[in-house]
Amino acid sequence: MVEPIGEKVSFLEDTLNRFIIHTDKSLYRMEKSIENLSREMKEFKDEMREFKDEMREFKNEMREFKDEMGDFKDEVRTDTKTMKRQWAELAHKLGSFAEDISLPNIPRIAKELFGETEILTIMPNVRKRNVLKKGDEYEFDGIVETENKVFLMEAKFTARMDYVNKLPKVKENFLAVFPEYSNKELVSIFASMSIPDNILKKLTRMNIYALILGDDNMRIVNFEAIQKKKK
């Protein structure tokens, strides 16, 4: 049985309408997807732009940090040089300080303890070459010549055993370069701010007088002990 034309047309219209509706929905969903994708791409681009800005700031901060570290190293290097120079100056001042306050006491001690009333020569920081040994030059902290004696003083701000062990060699060098004093008694003195008991005992055994800082001025603390030994 043949369907009427009207029914066929109606069916086609319904089919076309459903196709149009379906297509519209698909297009709508596609548009929404495209919009979402566009928005996400825009957000991604913005995030990438922010990331690039942050990386640029980080690089700048790292560059500043490197510059600061370079400046810091330069400051440390300068401070180290300054500190070394100050330590050297301090060591020099301490050494000269010991000599400066020690030597002026020797004339008084020569008179009071050794009965030497006539002071002939006072020589601080003496340097003299040994004419018998080319290239040898010796340094002595202080020399005081009296009528009958010559006082040889070595001064150290801090008393150490290694200094004391070198004193016999200092005396030997003195006699080698000052033969003109061979007819006078040589009095060896070791001066320091203070002297520990063990070093003081060794100085006494070596017949070397120990000169230390007292209440008013410097004084020899083992004079009686050495004099008793000589008797």
Protein backbone atom coordinates (compact mmCIF):
# COMPACT_ATOMS: atom_id res chain seq x y z
CA MET A 1 0.00 0.00 0.00
CA VAL A 2 1.48 3.34 -1.00
CA GLU A 3 1.87 5.95 1.77
CA PRO A 4 0.24 9.25 1.16
CA ILE A 5 2.46 12.10 -0.01
CA GLY A 6 1.51 14.22 2.97
CA GLU A 7 2.80 11.66 5.44
CA LYS A 8 6.13 11.41 3.62
CA VAL A 9 6.54 15.16 3.63
CA SER A 10 5.69 15.32 7.31
CA PHE A 11 8.26 12.60 8.04
CA LEU A 12 10.93 14.42 6.10
CA GLU A 13 10.17 17.65 7.89
CA ASP A 14 10.43 15.95 11.28
CA THR A 15 13.70 14.32 10.28
CA LEU A 16 15.10 17.61 9.02
CA ASN A 17 14.02 19.42 12.17
CA ARG A 18 15.68 16.81 14.36
CA PHE A 19 18.84 17.05 12.26
CA ILE A 20 18.84 20.83 12.56
CA ILE A 21 18.29 20.65 16.31
CA HIS A 22 21.04 18.07 16.70
CA THR A 23 23.38 20.09 14.54
CA ASP A 24 22.64 23.26 16.51
CA LYS A 25 23.42 21.44 19.76
CA SER A 26 26.67 20.09 18.32
CA LEU A 27 27.66 23.51 17.06
CA TYR A 28 26.80 25.04 20.42
CA ARG A 29 28.90 22.46 22.26
CA MET A 30 31.72 23.02 19.77
CA GLU A 31 31.55 26.77 20.29
CA LYS A 32 31.66 26.28 24.03
CA SER A 33 34.62 23.95 23.69
CA ILE A 34 36.39 26.45 21.50
CA GLU A 35 35.61 29.21 23.99
CA ASN A 36 36.94 27.11 26.88
CA LEU A 37 40.02 26.20 24.89
CA SER A 38 40.60 29.84 24.00
CA ARG A 39 40.18 30.87 27.62
CA GLU A 40 42.55 28.12 28.80
CA MET A 41 45.09 29.09 26.15
CA LYS A 42 44.85 32.70 27.24
CA GLU A 43 45.31 31.70 30.88
CA PHE A 44 48.26 29.51 29.87
CA LYS A 45 49.83 32.40 27.96
CA ASP A 46 49.30 34.70 30.95
CA GLU A 47 50.88 32.13 33.26
CA MET A 48 53.82 31.71 30.90
CA ARG A 49 54.21 35.48 30.75
CA GLU A 50 54.20 35.64 34.56
CA PHE A 51 56.67 32.75 34.70
CA LYS A 52 58.99 34.56 32.29
CA ASP A 53 58.72 37.71 34.40
CA GLU A 54 59.50 35.73 37.54
CA MET A 55 62.47 34.07 35.85
CA ARG A 56 63.70 37.47 34.70
CA GLU A 57 63.41 38.78 38.27
CA PHE A 58 65.17 35.67 39.57
CA LYS A 59 68.03 36.19 37.11
CA ASN A 60 68.29 39.81 38.18
CA GLU A 61 68.34 38.78 41.84
CA MET A 62 71.03 36.18 41.13
CA ARG A 63 73.08 38.78 39.29
CA GLU A 64 72.72 41.16 42.24
CA PHE A 65 73.64 38.32 44.62
CA LYS A 66 76.78 37.55 42.60
CA ASP A 67 77.69 41.24 42.62
CA GLU A 68 77.17 41.39 46.39
CA MET A 69 79.27 38.25 46.87
CA GLY A 70 81.99 39.81 44.75
CA ASP A 71 81.88 42.97 46.87
CA PHE A 72 81.90 40.84 50.03
CA LYS A 73 84.97 38.90 48.88
CA ASP A 74 86.73 42.16 48.08
CA GLU A 75 85.86 43.50 51.55
CA VAL A 76 87.06 40.29 53.21
CA ARG A 77 90.28 40.41 51.21
CA THR A 78 90.79 44.05 52.20
CA ASP A 79 89.92 43.37 55.85
CA THR A 80 92.34 40.42 55.93
CA LYS A 81 95.16 42.57 54.57
CA THR A 82 94.30 45.31 57.06
CA MET A 83 94.20 42.82 59.93
CA LYS A 84 97.56 41.32 58.99
CA ARG A 85 99.09 44.79 58.79
CA GLN A 86 97.60 45.74 62.17
CA TRP A 87 98.88 42.52 63.75
CA ALA A 88 102.35 43.21 62.37
CA GLU A 89 102.22 46.78 63.70
CA LEU A 90 101.00 45.55 67.08
CA ALA A 91 103.76 42.93 67.29
CA HIS A 92 106.32 45.59 66.44
CA LYS A 93 104.87 47.98 69.03
CA LEU A 94 104.85 45.28 71.72
CA GLY A 95 108.47 44.45 71.01
CA SER A 96 109.59 48.08 71.03
CA PHE A 97 107.43 48.74 74.08
CA ALA A 98 109.30 46.06 76.01
CA GLU A 99 112.61 47.56 74.93
CA ASP A 100 111.53 51.15 75.55
CA ILE A 101 110.48 50.55 79.15
CA SER A 102 113.25 48.04 79.92
CA LEU A 103 116.41 49.80 78.77
CA PRO A 104 115.90 53.04 80.76
CA ASN A 105 115.96 50.92 83.94
CA ILE A 106 119.43 49.49 83.30
CA PRO A 107 121.46 52.59 84.37
CA ARG A 108 119.53 52.74 87.65
CA ILE A 109 120.02 49.00 88.26
CA ALA A 110 123.73 49.32 87.40
CA LYS A 111 124.08 51.93 90.12
CA GLU A 112 121.82 50.43 92.80
CA LEU A 113 122.72 46.73 92.51
CA PHE A 114 126.16 46.64 90.86
CA GLY A 115 127.69 49.82 92.25
CA GLU A 116 128.44 51.23 88.80
CA THR A 117 127.99 54.96 89.30
CA GLU A 118 129.49 56.13 86.00
CA ILE A 119 127.38 55.37 82.91
CA LEU A 120 129.46 55.70 79.75
CA THR A 121 127.19 54.58 76.91
CA ILE A 122 123.54 53.64 76.37
CA MET A 123 122.77 51.99 73.04
CA PRO A 124 119.22 50.83 72.12
CA ASN A 125 118.48 48.48 69.19
CA VAL A 126 122.05 47.88 68.10
CA ARG A 127 122.77 46.15 64.78
CA LYS A 128 126.34 45.17 63.99
CA ARG A 129 128.03 42.99 61.38
CA ASN A 130 130.57 40.32 62.12
CA VAL A 131 133.67 41.33 60.18
CA LEU A 132 135.07 37.81 60.56
CA LYS A 133 132.01 36.16 59.00
CA LYS A 134 130.80 37.85 55.86
CA GLY A 135 127.03 38.29 55.79
CA ASP A 136 126.48 37.73 59.52
CA GLU A 137 124.69 40.61 61.23
CA TYR A 138 123.43 40.57 64.81
CA GLU A 139 120.85 42.66 66.62
CA PHE A 140 120.87 43.49 70.33
CA ASP A 141 117.93 45.11 72.14
CA GLY A 142 120.04 47.22 74.49
CA ILE A 143 123.63 47.78 75.63
CA VAL A 144 124.73 49.87 78.60
CA GLU A 145 128.43 50.43 79.23
CA THR A 146 129.70 51.49 82.63
CA GLU A 147 133.21 52.01 83.94
CA ASN A 148 133.81 48.35 84.80
CA LYS A 149 130.94 46.41 83.23
CA VAL A 150 128.86 46.14 80.10
CA PHE A 151 125.16 45.23 80.43
CA LEU A 152 123.64 43.26 77.56
CA MET A 153 119.83 43.30 77.63
CA GLU A 154 117.38 41.23 75.59
CA ALA A 155 113.71 42.19 75.96
CA LYS A 156 110.58 40.27 75.00
CA PHE A 157 107.03 41.30 75.79
CA THR A 158 106.14 37.67 76.56
CA ALA A 159 108.71 35.37 78.15
CA ARG A 160 109.09 32.04 76.36
CA MET A 161 111.51 29.20 76.87
CA ASP A 162 112.70 29.27 73.26
CA TYR A 163 113.81 32.90 73.75
CA VAL A 164 115.77 31.91 76.85
CA ASN A 165 117.43 29.01 75.04
CA LYS A 166 118.83 31.47 72.47
CA LEU A 167 120.42 33.80 75.04
CA PRO A 168 123.82 31.99 75.19
CA LYS A 169 124.08 32.42 71.42
CA VAL A 170 123.21 36.13 71.78
CA LYS A 171 126.03 36.48 74.32
CA GLU A 172 128.43 34.63 71.99
CA ASN A 173 127.49 36.90 69.06
CA PHE A 174 127.96 39.99 71.25
CA LEU A 175 131.47 38.98 72.25
CA ALA A 176 132.30 38.27 68.61
CA VAL A 177 131.33 41.71 67.30
CA PHE A 178 132.34 43.78 70.34
CA PRO A 179 135.88 42.63 71.17
CA GLU A 180 136.53 46.07 72.70
CA TYR A 181 134.45 45.01 75.71
CA SER A 182 136.51 41.88 76.44
CA ASN A 183 138.24 43.61 79.38
CA LYS A 184 134.93 44.31 81.12
CA GLU A 185 132.55 42.02 82.97
CA LEU A 186 129.55 41.10 80.85
CA VAL A 187 126.21 41.20 82.67
CA SER A 188 123.38 39.48 80.78
CA ILE A 189 119.79 40.60 81.48
CA PHE A 190 116.54 39.19 80.12
CA ALA A 191 113.60 41.62 80.41
CA SER A 192 109.90 40.88 80.09
CA MET A 193 106.57 42.03 81.51
CA SER A 194 106.48 38.93 83.72
CA ILE A 195 108.46 35.69 83.88
CA PRO A 196 107.05 32.28 84.90
CA ASP A 197 108.80 30.36 87.69
CA ASN A 198 110.22 27.64 85.41
CA ILE A 199 111.83 30.23 83.12
CA LEU A 200 113.06 32.24 86.11
CA LYS A 201 114.80 29.16 87.53
CA LYS A 202 116.50 28.45 84.22
CA LEU A 203 117.69 32.07 83.91
CA THR A 204 119.17 31.81 87.39
CA ARG A 205 121.02 28.60 86.48
CA MET A 206 122.39 30.40 83.39
CA ASN A 207 123.51 33.41 85.52
CA ILE A 208 121.19 35.67 83.51
CA TYR A 209 119.38 38.35 85.49
CA ALA A 210 115.58 38.47 85.15
CA LEU A 211 114.08 41.94 84.81
CA ILE A 212 110.29 42.25 85.19
CA LEU A 213 107.72 44.99 85.63
CA GLY A 214 107.20 45.94 89.28
CA ASP A 215 104.82 48.29 91.06
CA ASP A 216 106.70 51.49 90.25
CA ASN A 217 109.39 50.42 87.78
CA MET A 218 111.18 47.32 86.56
CA ARG A 219 113.17 45.21 88.99
CA ILE A 220 115.53 42.24 88.90
CA VAL A 221 113.96 39.33 90.76
CA ASN A 222 116.84 36.84 90.91
CA PHE A 223 119.73 39.13 91.90
CA GLU A 224 120.27 37.57 95.34
CA ALA A 225 120.01 34.02 93.94
CA ILE A 226 122.71 34.61 91.33
CA GLN A 227 124.95 36.44 93.81
CA LYS A 228 124.64 33.52 96.23
CA LYS A 229 125.66 31.12 93.45
CA LYS A 230 128.78 33.15 92.68
CA LYS A 231 129.88 33.02 96.30
